[in-house]
Amino acid sequence: MAKQPATKKVQATAVTHVPIKVISVNRQAYHDYEVEQTIEAGIELVGTEIKSIRDGHVQLRGSYALARQGEIWLENANIARYEHGNRYNHEPMRNRKLLLHRKEINQLLLKVQTKGMTLIPLKLYLKRGKAKIELGLCRGKKLYDKRESIAKRDAQRDIERIVRGR
């Protein structure tokens, strides 16, 4: 009787961690808004925009996302013109369509309309060579909330300084 080949056990591998390269962080958003939920979205880019993003010439401060005709659009985000671009270079302040599944768009629209929240871009990063943006479903902070978070941050910094000193 011939030997049976040993059966190989196929193990289910866990989802591998995909490295990301953070290009820009909207720190002002964390100061001005309370982030309830985050979601990752792709960006529809044209021309030399991805080259400019890879060079790190992006500014998210003051930008926001709006819903228009069942689509989510990124407004007021500045992706600078590419230095080595030609006459077909992109417009820096143009509105960019965000790529999300229909189900995600409907959920976001429902929350924005009912709870009075805002979609704010928090981070822009590269993942597997593609530009992604992290949107936050945010609620605006009052002035006293901002002061409270500054006081907490200062207290935490003082504690860390004392612990390091020992």
Protein backbone atom coordinates (compact mmCIF):
# COMPACT_ATOMS: atom_id res chain seq x y z
CA MET A 1 0.00 0.00 0.00
CA ALA A 2 1.38 3.43 -1.00
CA LYS A 3 1.90 6.15 1.53
CA GLN A 4 -0.67 8.88 1.61
CA PRO A 5 0.82 12.36 1.37
CA ALA A 6 0.52 14.26 4.63
CA THR A 7 -2.36 16.70 4.56
CA LYS A 8 -1.35 20.24 5.19
CA LYS A 9 -3.39 22.17 7.68
CA VAL A 10 -4.30 25.57 6.41
CA GLN A 11 -4.42 28.05 9.24
CA ALA A 12 -6.59 31.09 8.99
CA THR A 13 -4.28 34.05 9.24
CA ALA A 14 -5.37 37.09 11.15
CA VAL A 15 -5.82 40.32 9.27
CA THR A 16 -2.34 41.66 8.68
CA HIS A 17 -1.54 45.14 9.81
CA VAL A 18 -1.12 47.44 6.83
CA PRO A 19 1.42 50.20 7.48
CA ILE A 20 0.25 53.74 6.87
CA LYS A 21 2.23 56.92 6.28
CA VAL A 22 0.51 59.90 7.91
CA ILE A 23 0.80 62.97 5.69
CA SER A 24 -1.28 65.56 7.54
CA VAL A 25 -3.16 65.77 10.84
CA ASN A 26 -5.85 68.36 11.54
CA ARG A 27 -4.89 69.24 15.12
CA GLN A 28 -7.27 72.18 15.21
CA ALA A 29 -10.19 69.77 14.76
CA TYR A 30 -9.25 67.92 17.95
CA HIS A 31 -9.21 71.26 19.77
CA ASP A 32 -12.46 72.67 18.37
CA TYR A 33 -14.55 69.50 18.15
CA GLU A 34 -15.44 66.45 20.21
CA VAL A 35 -14.98 63.39 17.96
CA GLU A 36 -17.78 60.85 18.33
CA GLN A 37 -16.91 58.39 15.56
CA THR A 38 -14.27 58.03 12.82
CA ILE A 39 -14.49 56.51 9.36
CA GLU A 40 -11.94 55.94 6.59
CA ALA A 41 -12.69 57.22 3.09
CA GLY A 42 -10.86 57.30 -0.20
CA ILE A 43 -10.38 60.52 -2.17
CA GLU A 44 -11.00 61.04 -5.86
CA LEU A 45 -7.84 62.78 -7.09
CA VAL A 46 -6.88 64.23 -10.46
CA GLY A 47 -3.61 64.96 -12.21
CA THR A 48 -0.66 65.74 -9.99
CA GLU A 49 -2.53 65.75 -6.66
CA ILE A 50 -1.12 62.41 -5.47
CA LYS A 51 2.44 63.61 -6.16
CA SER A 52 1.81 66.72 -4.09
CA ILE A 53 0.30 64.59 -1.30
CA ARG A 54 3.33 62.29 -1.28
CA ASP A 55 5.53 65.39 -0.92
CA GLY A 56 3.44 66.37 2.12
CA HIS A 57 2.02 69.62 0.74
CA VAL A 58 -1.46 69.25 2.28
CA GLN A 59 -3.35 71.46 4.71
CA LEU A 60 -6.57 70.20 6.32
CA ARG A 61 -7.08 73.11 8.74
CA GLY A 62 -10.49 74.65 8.25
CA SER A 63 -11.71 71.92 5.90
CA TYR A 64 -14.97 70.01 6.25
CA ALA A 65 -17.12 67.47 4.41
CA LEU A 66 -20.58 68.12 3.00
CA ALA A 67 -23.29 65.94 1.50
CA ARG A 68 -24.45 66.94 -1.96
CA GLN A 69 -26.79 64.83 -4.10
CA GLY A 70 -26.16 61.68 -2.08
CA GLU A 71 -22.36 62.02 -2.20
CA ILE A 72 -19.84 63.28 0.35
CA TRP A 73 -17.51 66.08 -0.79
CA LEU A 74 -14.36 67.40 0.90
CA GLU A 75 -14.32 71.19 0.85
CA ASN A 76 -11.72 73.81 1.69
CA ALA A 77 -8.81 71.32 1.84
CA ASN A 78 -5.62 72.70 0.32
CA ILE A 79 -3.46 70.32 -1.71
CA ALA A 80 -0.73 72.59 -3.07
CA ARG A 81 0.22 72.61 -6.73
CA TYR A 82 2.95 70.14 -7.65
CA GLU A 83 6.26 71.98 -8.13
CA HIS A 84 7.32 70.00 -11.18
CA GLY A 85 3.87 69.95 -12.73
CA ASN A 86 3.08 71.41 -16.11
CA ARG A 87 0.20 73.47 -17.41
CA TYR A 88 -2.19 70.63 -16.54
CA ASN A 89 -1.50 71.02 -12.84
CA HIS A 90 -4.49 70.73 -10.49
CA GLU A 91 -6.44 73.48 -8.74
CA PRO A 92 -5.32 73.54 -5.05
CA MET A 93 -8.64 74.41 -3.35
CA ARG A 94 -11.04 72.41 -5.53
CA ASN A 95 -13.77 70.27 -3.97
CA ARG A 96 -12.92 66.56 -3.92
CA LYS A 97 -15.34 63.66 -3.89
CA LEU A 98 -14.90 61.19 -1.04
CA LEU A 99 -15.26 57.50 -1.85
CA LEU A 100 -17.53 55.63 0.56
CA HIS A 101 -20.00 52.78 0.29
CA ARG A 102 -23.64 53.78 -0.09
CA LYS A 103 -24.51 52.24 3.29
CA GLU A 104 -21.80 54.30 5.02
CA ILE A 105 -22.97 57.49 3.30
CA ASN A 106 -26.57 56.91 4.38
CA GLN A 107 -25.54 56.28 8.00
CA LEU A 108 -23.40 59.43 8.08
CA LEU A 109 -26.12 61.56 6.51
CA LEU A 110 -28.67 60.30 9.02
CA LYS A 111 -26.42 61.16 11.98
CA VAL A 112 -25.48 64.56 10.58
CA GLN A 113 -29.11 65.54 9.96
CA THR A 114 -30.65 64.23 13.18
CA LYS A 115 -27.98 65.00 15.77
CA GLY A 116 -26.62 68.25 14.31
CA MET A 117 -23.09 66.91 13.93
CA THR A 118 -20.40 67.82 11.39
CA LEU A 119 -18.03 65.76 9.25
CA ILE A 120 -14.46 66.98 9.77
CA PRO A 121 -11.31 65.49 8.18
CA LEU A 122 -8.91 64.47 10.94
CA LYS A 123 -6.02 62.80 9.09
CA LEU A 124 -4.75 62.30 5.56
CA TYR A 125 -2.51 59.29 5.02
CA LEU A 126 -1.21 56.84 2.45
CA LYS A 127 -2.30 53.22 2.78
CA ARG A 128 -1.09 50.69 0.20
CA GLY A 129 -0.10 53.60 -2.03
CA LYS A 130 -3.59 55.11 -2.02
CA ALA A 131 -4.55 58.40 -0.35
CA LYS A 132 -7.09 57.91 2.44
CA ILE A 133 -8.72 60.40 4.73
CA GLU A 134 -10.04 59.80 8.24
CA LEU A 135 -13.33 61.61 8.72
CA GLY A 136 -14.64 62.35 12.16
CA LEU A 137 -18.28 62.70 13.07
CA CYS A 138 -17.86 65.66 15.41
CA ARG A 139 -19.79 67.88 17.75
CA GLY A 140 -18.51 71.41 18.39
CA LYS A 141 -16.99 72.18 21.78
CA LYS A 142 -18.04 75.12 23.87
CA LEU A 143 -15.41 77.52 25.20
CA TYR A 144 -15.51 76.00 28.68
CA ASP A 145 -14.97 72.52 27.18
CA LYS A 146 -11.84 73.78 25.42
CA ARG A 147 -10.51 75.27 28.65
CA GLU A 148 -11.23 72.01 30.47
CA SER A 149 -9.34 69.91 27.91
CA ILE A 150 -6.38 72.32 28.04
CA ALA A 151 -6.32 72.06 31.84
CA LYS A 152 -6.41 68.23 31.68
CA ARG A 153 -3.59 68.18 29.15
CA ASP A 154 -1.45 70.51 31.30
CA ALA A 155 -2.10 68.41 34.42
CA GLN A 156 -1.14 65.22 32.58
CA ARG A 157 2.03 66.90 31.33
CA ASP A 158 2.94 67.96 34.88
CA ILE A 159 2.38 64.40 36.18
CA GLU A 160 4.60 62.94 33.46
CA ARG A 161 7.29 65.52 34.20
CA ILE A 162 7.26 64.62 37.93
CA VAL A 163 7.36 60.87 37.19
CA ARG A 164 10.29 61.31 34.78
CA GLY A 165 12.19 63.40 37.34
CA ARG A 166 12.41 60.51 39.83
